[in-house]
Amino acid sequence: MLTQQQKAEVNALIDTLLDLSGSARWERWRSLTVSDPAVREEVESFLRSAELVGDFLSHPARPHNGEPTDDLTVGTLLDG
């Protein structure tokens, strides 16, 4: 369990690192000196998870038929 101070450090690091692309993110991470092993583990775990998620949240959802729309109603099937 992380302390509040560790959580704040993790959040600050993640905020900085997520502004970078995948390869630059890891390069910057390796250049940082983080002495707390719990903070290092948490940030690395988050970065690995972010890689697995990819950019699926970067694109707006589209209805199942592929037509763009601003009028989505409850129950509309979306493409992944």
PDB file of N, CA and C in Angstrom:
ATOM      1  N   MET A   1       0.842  -1.180   0.000  1.00  0.00           N
ATOM      2  CA  MET A   1       0.000   0.000   0.000  1.00  0.00           C
ATOM      3  C   MET A   1       0.887   1.243   0.000  1.00  0.00           C
ATOM      4  N   LEU A   2       0.618   2.138  -0.918  1.00  0.00           N
ATOM      5  CA  LEU A   2       1.404   3.359  -1.012  1.00  0.00           C
ATOM      6  C   LEU A   2       0.917   4.397  -0.007  1.00  0.00           C
ATOM      7  N   THR A   3       1.859   5.169   0.497  1.00  0.00           N
ATOM      8  CA  THR A   3       1.497   6.288   1.367  1.00  0.00           C
ATOM      9  C   THR A   3       0.973   7.431   0.493  1.00  0.00           C
ATOM     10  N   GLN A   4       0.403   8.440   1.113  1.00  0.00           N
ATOM     11  CA  GLN A   4      -0.084   9.594   0.358  1.00  0.00           C
ATOM     12  C   GLN A   4       1.062  10.279  -0.384  1.00  0.00           C
ATOM     13  N   GLN A   5       2.222  10.351   0.251  1.00  0.00           N
ATOM     14  CA  GLN A   5       3.379  10.979  -0.388  1.00  0.00           C
ATOM     15  C   GLN A   5       3.818  10.164  -1.612  1.00  0.00           C
ATOM     16  N   GLN A   6       3.832   8.835  -1.470  1.00  0.00           N
ATOM     17  CA  GLN A   6       4.210   7.987  -2.603  1.00  0.00           C
ATOM     18  C   GLN A   6       3.196   8.131  -3.740  1.00  0.00           C
ATOM     19  N   LYS A   7       1.913   8.165  -3.402  1.00  0.00           N
ATOM     20  CA  LYS A   7       0.873   8.328  -4.422  1.00  0.00           C
ATOM     21  C   LYS A   7       1.053   9.645  -5.167  1.00  0.00           C
ATOM     22  N   ALA A   8       1.362  10.700  -4.417  1.00  0.00           N
ATOM     23  CA  ALA A   8       1.581  12.005  -5.050  1.00  0.00           C
ATOM     24  C   ALA A   8       2.772  11.953  -5.999  1.00  0.00           C
ATOM     25  N   GLU A   9       3.828  11.265  -5.595  1.00  0.00           N
ATOM     26  CA  GLU A   9       5.010  11.135  -6.454  1.00  0.00           C
ATOM     27  C   GLU A   9       4.681  10.326  -7.704  1.00  0.00           C
ATOM     28  N   VAL A  10       3.962   9.227  -7.524  1.00  0.00           N
ATOM     29  CA  VAL A  10       3.548   8.398  -8.665  1.00  0.00           C
ATOM     30  C   VAL A  10       2.714   9.233  -9.631  1.00  0.00           C
ATOM     31  N   ASN A  11       1.730   9.951  -9.116  1.00  0.00           N
ATOM     32  CA  ASN A  11       0.862  10.759  -9.975  1.00  0.00           C
ATOM     33  C   ASN A  11       1.641  11.823 -10.736  1.00  0.00           C
ATOM     34  N   ALA A  12       2.579  12.472 -10.069  1.00  0.00           N
ATOM     35  CA  ALA A  12       3.387  13.496 -10.731  1.00  0.00           C
ATOM     36  C   ALA A  12       4.231  12.880 -11.848  1.00  0.00           C
ATOM     37  N   LEU A  13       4.821  11.736 -11.579  1.00  0.00           N
ATOM     38  CA  LEU A  13       5.634  11.062 -12.596  1.00  0.00           C
ATOM     39  C   LEU A  13       4.784  10.628 -13.782  1.00  0.00           C
ATOM     40  N   ILE A  14       3.640  10.047 -13.499  1.00  0.00           N
ATOM     41  CA  ILE A  14       2.753   9.583 -14.576  1.00  0.00           C
ATOM     42  C   ILE A  14       2.274  10.756 -15.409  1.00  0.00           C
ATOM     43  N   ASP A  15       1.913  11.862 -14.771  1.00  0.00           N
ATOM     44  CA  ASP A  15       1.478  13.050 -15.520  1.00  0.00           C
ATOM     45  C   ASP A  15       2.559  13.501 -16.491  1.00  0.00           C
ATOM     46  N   THR A  16       3.794  13.497 -16.037  1.00  0.00           N
ATOM     47  CA  THR A  16       4.915  13.909 -16.882  1.00  0.00           C
ATOM     48  C   THR A  16       5.144  12.909 -18.013  1.00  0.00           C
ATOM     49  N   LEU A  17       5.128  11.632 -17.678  1.00  0.00           N
ATOM     50  CA  LEU A  17       5.461  10.605 -18.660  1.00  0.00           C
ATOM     51  C   LEU A  17       4.377  10.407 -19.714  1.00  0.00           C
ATOM     52  N   LEU A  18       3.117  10.583 -19.355  1.00  0.00           N
ATOM     53  CA  LEU A  18       2.043  10.362 -20.317  1.00  0.00           C
ATOM     54  C   LEU A  18       1.982  11.436 -21.397  1.00  0.00           C
ATOM     55  N   ASP A  19       2.682  12.527 -21.197  1.00  0.00           N
ATOM     56  CA  ASP A  19       2.754  13.556 -22.242  1.00  0.00           C
ATOM     57  C   ASP A  19       3.669  13.137 -23.386  1.00  0.00           C
ATOM     58  N   LEU A  20       4.411  12.060 -23.195  1.00  0.00           N
ATOM     59  CA  LEU A  20       5.373  11.592 -24.198  1.00  0.00           C
ATOM     60  C   LEU A  20       4.832  10.378 -24.941  1.00  0.00           C
ATOM     61  N   SER A  21       5.383  10.114 -26.126  1.00  0.00           N
ATOM     62  CA  SER A  21       5.018   8.915 -26.872  1.00  0.00           C
ATOM     63  C   SER A  21       5.617   7.689 -26.186  1.00  0.00           C
ATOM     64  N   GLY A  22       5.186   6.511 -26.586  1.00  0.00           N
ATOM     65  CA  GLY A  22       5.614   5.273 -25.947  1.00  0.00           C
ATOM     66  C   GLY A  22       7.112   5.105 -25.767  1.00  0.00           C
ATOM     67  N   SER A  23       7.885   5.213 -26.840  1.00  0.00           N
ATOM     68  CA  SER A  23       9.326   4.996 -26.730  1.00  0.00           C
ATOM     69  C   SER A  23      10.005   6.124 -25.948  1.00  0.00           C
ATOM     70  N   ALA A  24       9.576   7.354 -26.192  1.00  0.00           N
ATOM     71  CA  ALA A  24      10.139   8.487 -25.455  1.00  0.00           C
ATOM     72  C   ALA A  24       9.770   8.403 -23.976  1.00  0.00           C
ATOM     73  N   ARG A  25       8.583   7.873 -23.699  1.00  0.00           N
ATOM     74  CA  ARG A  25       8.131   7.707 -22.318  1.00  0.00           C
ATOM     75  C   ARG A  25       9.077   6.797 -21.549  1.00  0.00           C
ATOM     76  N   TRP A  26       9.394   5.645 -22.145  1.00  0.00           N
ATOM     77  CA  TRP A  26      10.299   4.712 -21.462  1.00  0.00           C
ATOM     78  C   TRP A  26      11.712   5.272 -21.366  1.00  0.00           C
ATOM     79  N   GLU A  27      12.161   5.958 -22.398  1.00  0.00           N
ATOM     80  CA  GLU A  27      13.500   6.548 -22.380  1.00  0.00           C
ATOM     81  C   GLU A  27      13.603   7.580 -21.250  1.00  0.00           C
ATOM     82  N   ARG A  28      12.590   8.420 -21.143  1.00  0.00           N
ATOM     83  CA  ARG A  28      12.573   9.426 -20.067  1.00  0.00           C
ATOM     84  C   ARG A  28      12.502   8.747 -18.701  1.00  0.00           C
ATOM     85  N   TRP A  29      11.687   7.701 -18.588  1.00  0.00           N
ATOM     86  CA  TRP A  29      11.558   6.983 -17.315  1.00  0.00           C
ATOM     87  C   TRP A  29      12.902   6.422 -16.872  1.00  0.00           C
ATOM     88  N   ARG A  30      13.637   5.831 -17.811  1.00  0.00           N
ATOM     89  CA  ARG A  30      14.949   5.251 -17.465  1.00  0.00           C
ATOM     90  C   ARG A  30      15.955   6.326 -17.053  1.00  0.00           C
ATOM     91  N   SER A  31      15.747   7.552 -17.512  1.00  0.00           N
ATOM     92  CA  SER A  31      16.688   8.617 -17.174  1.00  0.00           C
ATOM     93  C   SER A  31      16.407   9.236 -15.794  1.00  0.00           C
ATOM     94  N   LEU A  32      15.241   8.951 -15.242  1.00  0.00           N
ATOM     95  CA  LEU A  32      14.879   9.520 -13.938  1.00  0.00           C
ATOM     96  C   LEU A  32      15.482   8.705 -12.795  1.00  0.00           C
ATOM     97  N   THR A  33      15.779   9.388 -11.711  1.00  0.00           N
ATOM     98  CA  THR A  33      16.286   8.718 -10.521  1.00  0.00           C
ATOM     99  C   THR A  33      15.165   8.692  -9.486  1.00  0.00           C
ATOM    100  N   VAL A  34      14.591   7.509  -9.309  1.00  0.00           N
ATOM    101  CA  VAL A  34      13.528   7.324  -8.323  1.00  0.00           C
ATOM    102  C   VAL A  34      14.030   6.265  -7.360  1.00  0.00           C
ATOM    103  N   SER A  35      14.314   6.667  -6.147  1.00  0.00           N
ATOM    104  CA  SER A  35      14.943   5.754  -5.193  1.00  0.00           C
ATOM    105  C   SER A  35      13.955   4.840  -4.472  1.00  0.00           C
ATOM    106  N   ASP A  36      12.692   5.214  -4.437  1.00  0.00           N
ATOM    107  CA  ASP A  36      11.699   4.425  -3.719  1.00  0.00           C
ATOM    108  C   ASP A  36      11.234   3.256  -4.602  1.00  0.00           C
ATOM    109  N   PRO A  37      11.541   2.008  -4.195  1.00  0.00           N
ATOM    110  CA  PRO A  37      11.170   0.864  -5.029  1.00  0.00           C
ATOM    111  C   PRO A  37       9.661   0.721  -5.227  1.00  0.00           C
ATOM    112  N   ALA A  38       8.860   1.096  -4.253  1.00  0.00           N
ATOM    113  CA  ALA A  38       7.399   0.990  -4.394  1.00  0.00           C
ATOM    114  C   ALA A  38       6.892   1.967  -5.453  1.00  0.00           C
ATOM    115  N   VAL A  39       7.467   3.158  -5.483  1.00  0.00           N
ATOM    116  CA  VAL A  39       7.082   4.154  -6.490  1.00  0.00           C
ATOM    117  C   VAL A  39       7.516   3.673  -7.861  1.00  0.00           C
ATOM    118  N   ARG A  40       8.739   3.166  -7.970  1.00  0.00           N
ATOM    119  CA  ARG A  40       9.233   2.649  -9.257  1.00  0.00           C
ATOM    120  C   ARG A  40       8.318   1.540  -9.771  1.00  0.00           C
ATOM    121  N   GLU A  41       7.975   0.603  -8.901  1.00  0.00           N
ATOM    122  CA  GLU A  41       7.133  -0.525  -9.303  1.00  0.00           C
ATOM    123  C   GLU A  41       5.754  -0.054  -9.767  1.00  0.00           C
ATOM    124  N   GLU A  42       5.183   0.891  -9.054  1.00  0.00           N
ATOM    125  CA  GLU A  42       3.850   1.394  -9.410  1.00  0.00           C
ATOM    126  C   GLU A  42       3.863   2.111 -10.753  1.00  0.00           C
ATOM    127  N   VAL A  43       4.857   2.961 -10.974  1.00  0.00           N
ATOM    128  CA  VAL A  43       4.941   3.693 -12.237  1.00  0.00           C
ATOM    129  C   VAL A  43       5.196   2.726 -13.396  1.00  0.00           C
ATOM    130  N   GLU A  44       6.099   1.774 -13.205  1.00  0.00           N
ATOM    131  CA  GLU A  44       6.381   0.810 -14.273  1.00  0.00           C
ATOM    132  C   GLU A  44       5.161  -0.041 -14.585  1.00  0.00           C
ATOM    133  N   SER A  45       4.423  -0.432 -13.573  1.00  0.00           N
ATOM    134  CA  SER A  45       3.198  -1.197 -13.779  1.00  0.00           C
ATOM    135  C   SER A  45       2.192  -0.379 -14.586  1.00  0.00           C
ATOM    136  N   PHE A  46       2.056   0.883 -14.245  1.00  0.00           N
ATOM    137  CA  PHE A  46       1.142   1.759 -14.973  1.00  0.00           C
ATOM    138  C   PHE A  46       1.577   1.924 -16.426  1.00  0.00           C
ATOM    139  N   LEU A  47       2.864   2.118 -16.648  1.00  0.00           N
ATOM    140  CA  LEU A  47       3.358   2.298 -18.013  1.00  0.00           C
ATOM    141  C   LEU A  47       3.137   1.048 -18.862  1.00  0.00           C
ATOM    142  N   ARG A  48       3.355  -0.115 -18.269  1.00  0.00           N
ATOM    143  CA  ARG A  48       3.090  -1.367 -19.006  1.00  0.00           C
ATOM    144  C   ARG A  48       1.607  -1.479 -19.341  1.00  0.00           C
ATOM    145  N   SER A  49       0.759  -1.131 -18.400  1.00  0.00           N
ATOM    146  CA  SER A  49      -0.690  -1.179 -18.637  1.00  0.00           C
ATOM    147  C   SER A  49      -1.093  -0.193 -19.728  1.00  0.00           C
ATOM    148  N   ALA A  50      -0.505   0.992 -19.703  1.00  0.00           N
ATOM    149  CA  ALA A  50      -0.816   1.998 -20.722  1.00  0.00           C
ATOM    150  C   ALA A  50      -0.441   1.506 -22.112  1.00  0.00           C
ATOM    151  N   GLU A  51       0.636   0.744 -22.210  1.00  0.00           N
ATOM    152  CA  GLU A  51       1.031   0.177 -23.507  1.00  0.00           C
ATOM    153  C   GLU A  51       0.002  -0.831 -23.993  1.00  0.00           C
ATOM    154  N   LEU A  52      -0.509  -1.641 -23.088  1.00  0.00           N
ATOM    155  CA  LEU A  52      -1.491  -2.652 -23.466  1.00  0.00           C
ATOM    156  C   LEU A  52      -2.804  -2.031 -23.915  1.00  0.00           C
ATOM    157  N   VAL A  53      -3.183  -0.937 -23.291  1.00  0.00           N
ATOM    158  CA  VAL A  53      -4.427  -0.261 -23.628  1.00  0.00           C
ATOM    159  C   VAL A  53      -4.330   0.386 -25.000  1.00  0.00           C
ATOM    160  N   GLY A  54      -3.155   0.873 -25.325  1.00  0.00           N
ATOM    161  CA  GLY A  54      -2.964   1.518 -26.619  1.00  0.00           C
ATOM    162  C   GLY A  54      -3.668   2.858 -26.684  1.00  0.00           C
ATOM    163  N   ASP A  55      -4.193   3.180 -27.848  1.00  0.00           N
ATOM    164  CA  ASP A  55      -4.807   4.499 -28.042  1.00  0.00           C
ATOM    165  C   ASP A  55      -6.314   4.424 -28.232  1.00  0.00           C
ATOM    166  N   PHE A  56      -6.952   3.387 -27.716  1.00  0.00           N
ATOM    167  CA  PHE A  56      -8.375   3.223 -27.980  1.00  0.00           C
ATOM    168  C   PHE A  56      -9.221   4.385 -27.451  1.00  0.00           C
ATOM    169  N   LEU A  57      -8.752   5.098 -26.446  1.00  0.00           N
ATOM    170  CA  LEU A  57      -9.509   6.240 -25.938  1.00  0.00           C
ATOM    171  C   LEU A  57      -9.223   7.523 -26.719  1.00  0.00           C
ATOM    172  N   SER A  58      -8.314   7.448 -27.676  1.00  0.00           N
ATOM    173  CA  SER A  58      -7.957   8.626 -28.462  1.00  0.00           C
ATOM    174  C   SER A  58      -8.921   8.887 -29.611  1.00  0.00           C
ATOM    175  N   HIS A  59      -9.775   7.924 -29.908  1.00  0.00           N
ATOM    176  CA  HIS A  59     -10.695   8.039 -31.033  1.00  0.00           C
ATOM    177  C   HIS A  59     -12.136   7.994 -30.517  1.00  0.00           C
ATOM    178  N   PRO A  60     -12.995   8.840 -31.065  1.00  0.00           N
ATOM    179  CA  PRO A  60     -14.386   8.812 -30.623  1.00  0.00           C
ATOM    180  C   PRO A  60     -15.066   7.506 -31.024  1.00  0.00           C
ATOM    181  N   ALA A  61     -16.003   7.092 -30.211  1.00  0.00           N
ATOM    182  CA  ALA A  61     -16.770   5.883 -30.528  1.00  0.00           C
ATOM    183  C   ALA A  61     -17.678   6.146 -31.723  1.00  0.00           C
ATOM    184  N   ARG A  62     -17.869   5.130 -32.514  1.00  0.00           N
ATOM    185  CA  ARG A  62     -18.768   5.226 -33.673  1.00  0.00           C
ATOM    186  C   ARG A  62     -19.848   4.153 -33.530  1.00  0.00           C
ATOM    187  N   PRO A  63     -21.017   4.459 -34.007  1.00  0.00           N
ATOM    188  CA  PRO A  63     -22.066   3.437 -33.995  1.00  0.00           C
ATOM    189  C   PRO A  63     -21.629   2.207 -34.779  1.00  0.00           C
ATOM    190  N   HIS A  64     -22.255   1.107 -34.522  1.00  0.00           N
ATOM    191  CA  HIS A  64     -21.902  -0.171 -35.133  1.00  0.00           C
ATOM    192  C   HIS A  64     -21.923  -0.109 -36.668  1.00  0.00           C
ATOM    193  N   ASN A  65     -22.769   0.726 -37.238  1.00  0.00           N
ATOM    194  CA  ASN A  65     -22.827   0.820 -38.701  1.00  0.00           C
ATOM    195  C   ASN A  65     -21.695   1.659 -39.296  1.00  0.00           C
ATOM    196  N   GLY A  66     -20.853   2.262 -38.440  1.00  0.00           N
ATOM    197  CA  GLY A  66     -19.692   3.004 -38.902  1.00  0.00           C
ATOM    198  C   GLY A  66     -19.955   4.446 -39.279  1.00  0.00           C
ATOM    199  N   GLU A  67     -21.207   4.868 -39.221  1.00  0.00           N
ATOM    200  CA  GLU A  67     -21.547   6.242 -39.566  1.00  0.00           C
ATOM    201  C   GLU A  67     -21.290   7.172 -38.388  1.00  0.00           C
ATOM    202  N   PRO A  68     -20.546   8.275 -38.599  1.00  0.00           N
ATOM    203  CA  PRO A  68     -20.339   9.223 -37.497  1.00  0.00           C
ATOM    204  C   PRO A  68     -21.658   9.911 -37.139  1.00  0.00           C
ATOM    205  N   THR A  69     -21.832  10.182 -35.871  1.00  0.00           N
ATOM    206  CA  THR A  69     -23.042  10.862 -35.423  1.00  0.00           C
ATOM    207  C   THR A  69     -22.793  11.585 -34.109  1.00  0.00           C
ATOM    208  N   ASP A  70     -23.514  12.647 -33.905  1.00  0.00           N
ATOM    209  CA  ASP A  70     -23.457  13.367 -32.631  1.00  0.00           C
ATOM    210  C   ASP A  70     -24.653  12.994 -31.772  1.00  0.00           C
ATOM    211  N   ASP A  71     -25.544  12.158 -32.296  1.00  0.00           N
ATOM    212  CA  ASP A  71     -26.793  11.837 -31.613  1.00  0.00           C
ATOM    213  C   ASP A  71     -26.827  10.363 -31.234  1.00  0.00           C
ATOM    214  N   LEU A  72     -26.064   9.988 -30.226  1.00  0.00           N
ATOM    215  CA  LEU A  72     -26.072   8.604 -29.755  1.00  0.00           C
ATOM    216  C   LEU A  72     -27.162   8.449 -28.699  1.00  0.00           C
ATOM    217  N   THR A  73     -27.957   7.435 -28.841  1.00  0.00           N
ATOM    218  CA  THR A  73     -28.992   7.156 -27.854  1.00  0.00           C
ATOM    219  C   THR A  73     -28.608   5.923 -27.052  1.00  0.00           C
ATOM    220  N   VAL A  74     -29.228   5.767 -25.918  1.00  0.00           N
ATOM    221  CA  VAL A  74     -28.982   4.592 -25.079  1.00  0.00           C
ATOM    222  C   VAL A  74     -29.285   3.343 -25.893  1.00  0.00           C
ATOM    223  N   GLY A  75     -28.386   2.381 -25.851  1.00  0.00           N
ATOM    224  CA  GLY A  75     -28.582   1.122 -26.569  1.00  0.00           C
ATOM    225  C   GLY A  75     -27.908   1.072 -27.924  1.00  0.00           C
ATOM    226  N   THR A  76     -27.303   2.176 -28.391  1.00  0.00           N
ATOM    227  CA  THR A  76     -26.605   2.173 -29.663  1.00  0.00           C
ATOM    228  C   THR A  76     -25.371   1.285 -29.554  1.00  0.00           C
ATOM    229  N   LEU A  77     -25.211   0.344 -30.481  1.00  0.00           N
ATOM    230  CA  LEU A  77     -24.045  -0.528 -30.507  1.00  0.00           C
ATOM    231  C   LEU A  77     -22.863   0.242 -31.099  1.00  0.00           C
ATOM    232  N   LEU A  78     -21.735   0.160 -30.412  1.00  0.00           N
ATOM    233  CA  LEU A  78     -20.542   0.861 -30.861  1.00  0.00           C
ATOM    234  C   LEU A  78     -19.495  -0.127 -31.344  1.00  0.00           C
ATOM    235  N   ASP A  79     -18.730   0.273 -32.345  1.00  0.00           N
ATOM    236  CA  ASP A  79     -17.597  -0.526 -32.807  1.00  0.00           C
ATOM    237  C   ASP A  79     -16.448  -0.345 -31.837  1.00  0.00           C
ATOM    238  N   GLY A  80     -15.624  -1.378 -31.674  1.00  0.00           N
ATOM    239  CA  GLY A  80     -14.458  -1.303 -30.797  1.00  0.00           C
ATOM    240  C   GLY A  80     -13.328  -0.799 -31.535  1.00  0.00           C
TER     241      GLY A  80
END
